[in-house]
Amino acid sequence: YRRFLFDAYYQTIVLDTLWMATLTTLLALGIGYPLAFALWRLERPWMKRWLSLIIFSPIIVSVVVRSYGWIVLLADQGPVNWILKTSGLAAEPVTLVFNLVGVVLSLAHVFLPFVVFPIYSSMSRIDPALREAAMDLGAGWLRTFRSITLPLTLPGVVAAVQIAFTLALGAFVTPAMLGG
């Protein structure tokens, strides 16, 4: 324990892991909350089912296959760099793999269902009359979101953050493959 707690090598590993888990959680939350909101607001049940299946699909694929897929997508000659170069956003290939960027993107993709569905679950329990009352009293969309939707979904957000952060802390194969 003394070596683990006070050796600079282990401290670097622990801090890097915490940083990677934090970034992954924030990215997954930044993508997952609007996605959960969109899923919640969809009116057509068949669209909800398809979007839920698409969101859930990363869990179905093996971690090794998924990691190799991200390596291909983010490679210097991969489709992401091709899009960046042809759109003029980058003159040279951007290194997106074998570093923190690739790891965070891949893990956020994997943990997205663990973020979306707890938030969606808390959104589905919101009484529609609350939002209607806020709108009837003159609150706009943003004010209704800030005053009604966001506070009532915070338990789902907290659960999603806890799940994503914990899973990111324990991730091994993806960081080993994409982190170089």
C-alpha atoms as a PDB file:
ATOM      1  CA  TYR A   1       0.000   0.000   0.000  1.00  0.00           C
ATOM      2  CA  ARG A   2       2.865   2.367   0.735  1.00  0.00           C
ATOM      3  CA  ARG A   3       4.236   1.920  -2.798  1.00  0.00           C
ATOM      4  CA  PHE A   4       0.774   2.277  -4.314  1.00  0.00           C
ATOM      5  CA  LEU A   5      -0.063   5.438  -2.401  1.00  0.00           C
ATOM      6  CA  PHE A   6       3.265   7.249  -2.549  1.00  0.00           C
ATOM      7  CA  ASP A   7       5.067   6.041  -5.689  1.00  0.00           C
ATOM      8  CA  ALA A   8       4.861   8.610  -8.508  1.00  0.00           C
ATOM      9  CA  TYR A   9       4.340   5.858 -11.095  1.00  0.00           C
ATOM     10  CA  TYR A  10       1.146   4.614  -9.424  1.00  0.00           C
ATOM     11  CA  GLN A  11      -0.066   8.126  -8.688  1.00  0.00           C
ATOM     12  CA  THR A  12       0.228   8.952 -12.396  1.00  0.00           C
ATOM     13  CA  ILE A  13      -1.758   5.863 -13.334  1.00  0.00           C
ATOM     14  CA  VAL A  14      -4.504   6.632 -10.823  1.00  0.00           C
ATOM     15  CA  LEU A  15      -4.752  10.288 -11.875  1.00  0.00           C
ATOM     16  CA  ASP A  16      -4.774   9.378 -15.594  1.00  0.00           C
ATOM     17  CA  THR A  17      -7.523   6.833 -14.957  1.00  0.00           C
ATOM     18  CA  LEU A  18      -9.606   9.340 -13.003  1.00  0.00           C
ATOM     19  CA  TRP A  19      -9.124  11.954 -15.750  1.00  0.00           C
ATOM     20  CA  MET A  20     -10.096   9.475 -18.484  1.00  0.00           C
ATOM     21  CA  ALA A  21     -13.184   8.373 -16.532  1.00  0.00           C
ATOM     22  CA  THR A  22     -14.202  11.993 -15.917  1.00  0.00           C
ATOM     23  CA  LEU A  23     -13.852  12.977 -19.580  1.00  0.00           C
ATOM     24  CA  THR A  24     -15.695   9.865 -20.716  1.00  0.00           C
ATOM     25  CA  THR A  25     -18.534  10.522 -18.286  1.00  0.00           C
ATOM     26  CA  LEU A  26     -18.850  14.177 -19.312  1.00  0.00           C
ATOM     27  CA  LEU A  27     -18.857  13.332 -23.030  1.00  0.00           C
ATOM     28  CA  ALA A  28     -21.398  10.541 -22.562  1.00  0.00           C
ATOM     29  CA  LEU A  29     -23.573  12.867 -20.478  1.00  0.00           C
ATOM     30  CA  GLY A  30     -23.240  15.682 -23.024  1.00  0.00           C
ATOM     31  CA  ILE A  31     -24.453  13.378 -25.792  1.00  0.00           C
ATOM     32  CA  GLY A  32     -26.768  11.242 -23.672  1.00  0.00           C
ATOM     33  CA  TYR A  33     -28.973  13.905 -22.088  1.00  0.00           C
ATOM     34  CA  PRO A  34     -30.113  15.448 -25.410  1.00  0.00           C
ATOM     35  CA  LEU A  35     -30.532  11.946 -26.817  1.00  0.00           C
ATOM     36  CA  ALA A  36     -32.699  10.911 -23.852  1.00  0.00           C
ATOM     37  CA  PHE A  37     -34.696  14.124 -24.250  1.00  0.00           C
ATOM     38  CA  ALA A  38     -35.233  13.411 -27.953  1.00  0.00           C
ATOM     39  CA  LEU A  39     -36.271   9.838 -27.170  1.00  0.00           C
ATOM     40  CA  TRP A  40     -38.695  11.131 -24.533  1.00  0.00           C
ATOM     41  CA  ARG A  41     -40.256  13.692 -26.889  1.00  0.00           C
ATOM     42  CA  LEU A  42     -40.763  11.286 -29.788  1.00  0.00           C
ATOM     43  CA  GLU A  43     -44.445  10.751 -30.485  1.00  0.00           C
ATOM     44  CA  ARG A  44     -44.295   7.659 -32.691  1.00  0.00           C
ATOM     45  CA  PRO A  45     -43.784   4.393 -30.788  1.00  0.00           C
ATOM     46  CA  TRP A  46     -42.046   2.678 -33.708  1.00  0.00           C
ATOM     47  CA  MET A  47     -39.470   5.487 -33.844  1.00  0.00           C
ATOM     48  CA  LYS A  48     -38.886   5.158 -30.086  1.00  0.00           C
ATOM     49  CA  ARG A  49     -38.277   1.436 -30.475  1.00  0.00           C
ATOM     50  CA  TRP A  50     -35.788   1.911 -33.331  1.00  0.00           C
ATOM     51  CA  LEU A  51     -33.926   4.726 -31.608  1.00  0.00           C
ATOM     52  CA  SER A  52     -33.770   2.678 -28.407  1.00  0.00           C
ATOM     53  CA  LEU A  53     -32.357  -0.261 -30.355  1.00  0.00           C
ATOM     54  CA  ILE A  54     -29.737   1.961 -32.012  1.00  0.00           C
ATOM     55  CA  ILE A  55     -28.752   3.445 -28.649  1.00  0.00           C
ATOM     56  CA  PHE A  56     -28.563  -0.007 -27.059  1.00  0.00           C
ATOM     57  CA  SER A  57     -26.607  -1.622 -29.924  1.00  0.00           C
ATOM     58  CA  PRO A  58     -23.029  -0.876 -28.672  1.00  0.00           C
ATOM     59  CA  ILE A  59     -23.592  -3.244 -25.761  1.00  0.00           C
ATOM     60  CA  ILE A  60     -24.422  -6.115 -28.113  1.00  0.00           C
ATOM     61  CA  VAL A  61     -21.052  -5.994 -29.903  1.00  0.00           C
ATOM     62  CA  SER A  62     -17.938  -7.573 -28.389  1.00  0.00           C
ATOM     63  CA  VAL A  63     -15.497  -5.166 -26.740  1.00  0.00           C
ATOM     64  CA  VAL A  64     -12.616  -6.359 -28.953  1.00  0.00           C
ATOM     65  CA  VAL A  65     -14.610  -5.979 -32.188  1.00  0.00           C
ATOM     66  CA  ARG A  66     -15.853  -2.566 -31.089  1.00  0.00           C
ATOM     67  CA  SER A  67     -12.323  -1.417 -30.221  1.00  0.00           C
ATOM     68  CA  TYR A  68     -10.936  -2.580 -33.569  1.00  0.00           C
ATOM     69  CA  GLY A  69     -13.797  -0.771 -35.288  1.00  0.00           C
ATOM     70  CA  TRP A  70     -12.861   2.459 -33.520  1.00  0.00           C
ATOM     71  CA  ILE A  71      -9.203   1.960 -34.474  1.00  0.00           C
ATOM     72  CA  VAL A  72     -10.248   1.715 -38.137  1.00  0.00           C
ATOM     73  CA  LEU A  73     -12.570   4.736 -37.895  1.00  0.00           C
ATOM     74  CA  LEU A  74     -10.057   6.974 -36.110  1.00  0.00           C
ATOM     75  CA  ALA A  75      -6.893   5.900 -37.950  1.00  0.00           C
ATOM     76  CA  ASP A  76      -4.784   8.473 -39.800  1.00  0.00           C
ATOM     77  CA  GLN A  77      -6.170   7.198 -43.117  1.00  0.00           C
ATOM     78  CA  GLY A  78      -9.617   6.407 -41.671  1.00  0.00           C
ATOM     79  CA  PRO A  79     -12.984   7.906 -42.537  1.00  0.00           C
ATOM     80  CA  VAL A  80     -13.003  10.436 -39.681  1.00  0.00           C
ATOM     81  CA  ASN A  81      -9.700  11.953 -40.812  1.00  0.00           C
ATOM     82  CA  TRP A  82     -10.879  11.861 -44.434  1.00  0.00           C
ATOM     83  CA  ILE A  83     -13.987  13.853 -43.467  1.00  0.00           C
ATOM     84  CA  LEU A  84     -11.912  16.329 -41.454  1.00  0.00           C
ATOM     85  CA  LYS A  85      -9.502  16.806 -44.346  1.00  0.00           C
ATOM     86  CA  THR A  86     -12.094  17.131 -47.138  1.00  0.00           C
ATOM     87  CA  SER A  87     -14.223  19.537 -45.111  1.00  0.00           C
ATOM     88  CA  GLY A  88     -11.175  21.740 -44.489  1.00  0.00           C
ATOM     89  CA  LEU A  89     -11.237  21.345 -40.708  1.00  0.00           C
ATOM     90  CA  ALA A  90      -7.754  19.771 -40.724  1.00  0.00           C
ATOM     91  CA  ALA A  91      -4.959  20.108 -43.283  1.00  0.00           C
ATOM     92  CA  GLU A  92      -2.980  17.116 -41.978  1.00  0.00           C
ATOM     93  CA  PRO A  93      -4.271  13.860 -40.504  1.00  0.00           C
ATOM     94  CA  VAL A  94      -5.206  14.326 -36.865  1.00  0.00           C
ATOM     95  CA  THR A  95      -4.012  11.651 -34.459  1.00  0.00           C
ATOM     96  CA  LEU A  96      -7.219  10.375 -32.910  1.00  0.00           C
ATOM     97  CA  VAL A  97      -6.142   6.857 -32.005  1.00  0.00           C
ATOM     98  CA  PHE A  98      -3.556   5.483 -29.550  1.00  0.00           C
ATOM     99  CA  ASN A  99      -4.156   8.429 -27.252  1.00  0.00           C
ATOM    100  CA  LEU A 100      -6.726   9.747 -24.795  1.00  0.00           C
ATOM    101  CA  VAL A 101      -9.022  11.088 -27.535  1.00  0.00           C
ATOM    102  CA  GLY A 102      -9.648   7.667 -29.043  1.00  0.00           C
ATOM    103  CA  VAL A 103     -10.170   6.062 -25.659  1.00  0.00           C
ATOM    104  CA  VAL A 104     -12.662   8.694 -24.499  1.00  0.00           C
ATOM    105  CA  LEU A 105     -14.633   8.600 -27.779  1.00  0.00           C
ATOM    106  CA  SER A 106     -14.851   4.825 -27.749  1.00  0.00           C
ATOM    107  CA  LEU A 107     -15.795   4.534 -24.092  1.00  0.00           C
ATOM    108  CA  ALA A 108     -18.393   7.302 -24.373  1.00  0.00           C
ATOM    109  CA  HIS A 109     -19.929   5.377 -27.273  1.00  0.00           C
ATOM    110  CA  VAL A 110     -20.061   2.203 -25.202  1.00  0.00           C
ATOM    111  CA  PHE A 111     -21.444   3.837 -22.070  1.00  0.00           C
ATOM    112  CA  LEU A 112     -24.075   5.909 -23.880  1.00  0.00           C
ATOM    113  CA  PRO A 113     -26.903   3.423 -23.159  1.00  0.00           C
ATOM    114  CA  PHE A 114     -25.971   3.477 -19.464  1.00  0.00           C
ATOM    115  CA  VAL A 115     -26.424   7.252 -19.530  1.00  0.00           C
ATOM    116  CA  VAL A 116     -29.451   7.583 -21.810  1.00  0.00           C
ATOM    117  CA  PHE A 117     -31.782   5.057 -20.219  1.00  0.00           C
ATOM    118  CA  PRO A 118     -31.613   6.229 -16.560  1.00  0.00           C
ATOM    119  CA  ILE A 119     -32.214   9.792 -17.716  1.00  0.00           C
ATOM    120  CA  TYR A 120     -35.020   8.678 -20.032  1.00  0.00           C
ATOM    121  CA  SER A 121     -36.551   6.714 -17.168  1.00  0.00           C
ATOM    122  CA  SER A 122     -36.615   9.803 -14.936  1.00  0.00           C
ATOM    123  CA  MET A 123     -38.060  11.869 -17.798  1.00  0.00           C
ATOM    124  CA  SER A 124     -40.854   9.389 -18.413  1.00  0.00           C
ATOM    125  CA  ARG A 125     -42.008   9.823 -14.787  1.00  0.00           C
ATOM    126  CA  ILE A 126     -42.522  13.583 -15.180  1.00  0.00           C
ATOM    127  CA  ASP A 127     -46.191  14.509 -15.054  1.00  0.00           C
ATOM    128  CA  PRO A 128     -47.055  16.194 -18.396  1.00  0.00           C
ATOM    129  CA  ALA A 129     -49.402  18.540 -16.530  1.00  0.00           C
ATOM    130  CA  LEU A 130     -46.395  20.248 -14.911  1.00  0.00           C
ATOM    131  CA  ARG A 131     -44.906  21.214 -18.266  1.00  0.00           C
ATOM    132  CA  GLU A 132     -48.311  22.248 -19.615  1.00  0.00           C
ATOM    133  CA  ALA A 133     -48.956  24.413 -16.547  1.00  0.00           C
ATOM    134  CA  ALA A 134     -45.602  26.134 -16.942  1.00  0.00           C
ATOM    135  CA  MET A 135     -46.321  26.837 -20.611  1.00  0.00           C
ATOM    136  CA  ASP A 136     -49.846  28.057 -19.793  1.00  0.00           C
ATOM    137  CA  LEU A 137     -48.401  30.475 -17.234  1.00  0.00           C
ATOM    138  CA  GLY A 138     -46.175  32.008 -19.899  1.00  0.00           C
ATOM    139  CA  ALA A 139     -42.913  30.122 -19.477  1.00  0.00           C
ATOM    140  CA  GLY A 140     -41.095  29.513 -22.704  1.00  0.00           C
ATOM    141  CA  TRP A 141     -39.442  26.276 -23.743  1.00  0.00           C
ATOM    142  CA  LEU A 142     -36.113  27.106 -22.102  1.00  0.00           C
ATOM    143  CA  ARG A 143     -37.663  28.326 -18.856  1.00  0.00           C
ATOM    144  CA  THR A 144     -39.848  25.207 -18.675  1.00  0.00           C
ATOM    145  CA  PHE A 145     -36.809  23.043 -19.230  1.00  0.00           C
ATOM    146  CA  ARG A 146     -34.757  24.861 -16.560  1.00  0.00           C
ATOM    147  CA  SER A 147     -37.567  24.991 -13.991  1.00  0.00           C
ATOM    148  CA  ILE A 148     -39.378  21.688 -14.515  1.00  0.00           C
ATOM    149  CA  THR A 149     -37.571  19.135 -16.676  1.00  0.00           C
ATOM    150  CA  LEU A 150     -33.976  19.528 -15.527  1.00  0.00           C
ATOM    151  CA  PRO A 151     -34.636  19.486 -11.756  1.00  0.00           C
ATOM    152  CA  LEU A 152     -36.964  16.488 -12.045  1.00  0.00           C
ATOM    153  CA  THR A 153     -34.434  14.536 -14.117  1.00  0.00           C
ATOM    154  CA  LEU A 154     -31.484  15.154 -11.787  1.00  0.00           C
ATOM    155  CA  PRO A 155     -31.895  11.775 -10.030  1.00  0.00           C
ATOM    156  CA  GLY A 156     -31.555  10.080 -13.414  1.00  0.00           C
ATOM    157  CA  VAL A 157     -28.544  12.239 -14.247  1.00  0.00           C
ATOM    158  CA  VAL A 158     -26.866  11.353 -10.953  1.00  0.00           C
ATOM    159  CA  ALA A 159     -27.511   7.652 -11.546  1.00  0.00           C
ATOM    160  CA  ALA A 160     -26.189   7.909 -15.107  1.00  0.00           C
ATOM    161  CA  VAL A 161     -23.027   9.708 -13.985  1.00  0.00           C
ATOM    162  CA  GLN A 162     -22.383   7.143 -11.265  1.00  0.00           C
ATOM    163  CA  ILE A 163     -22.816   4.237 -13.668  1.00  0.00           C
ATOM    164  CA  ALA A 164     -20.713   5.737 -16.470  1.00  0.00           C
ATOM    165  CA  PHE A 165     -17.924   6.892 -14.171  1.00  0.00           C
ATOM    166  CA  THR A 166     -17.712   3.531 -12.406  1.00  0.00           C
ATOM    167  CA  LEU A 167     -17.683   1.605 -15.676  1.00  0.00           C
ATOM    168  CA  ALA A 168     -15.041   3.936 -17.116  1.00  0.00           C
ATOM    169  CA  LEU A 169     -12.844   3.421 -14.057  1.00  0.00           C
ATOM    170  CA  GLY A 170     -12.998  -0.331 -14.592  1.00  0.00           C
ATOM    171  CA  ALA A 171     -12.503  -0.321 -18.364  1.00  0.00           C
ATOM    172  CA  PHE A 172      -9.369  -2.169 -19.391  1.00  0.00           C
ATOM    173  CA  VAL A 173      -9.560  -3.647 -22.901  1.00  0.00           C
ATOM    174  CA  THR A 174     -10.598  -0.480 -24.734  1.00  0.00           C
ATOM    175  CA  PRO A 175      -7.930   1.759 -23.132  1.00  0.00           C
ATOM    176  CA  ALA A 176      -5.329  -0.959 -23.706  1.00  0.00           C
ATOM    177  CA  MET A 177      -6.231  -1.253 -27.407  1.00  0.00           C
ATOM    178  CA  LEU A 178      -7.001   2.373 -28.271  1.00  0.00           C
ATOM    179  CA  GLY A 179      -4.712   4.042 -25.781  1.00  0.00           C
ATOM    180  CA  GLY A 180      -1.508   2.588 -27.144  1.00  0.00           C
END
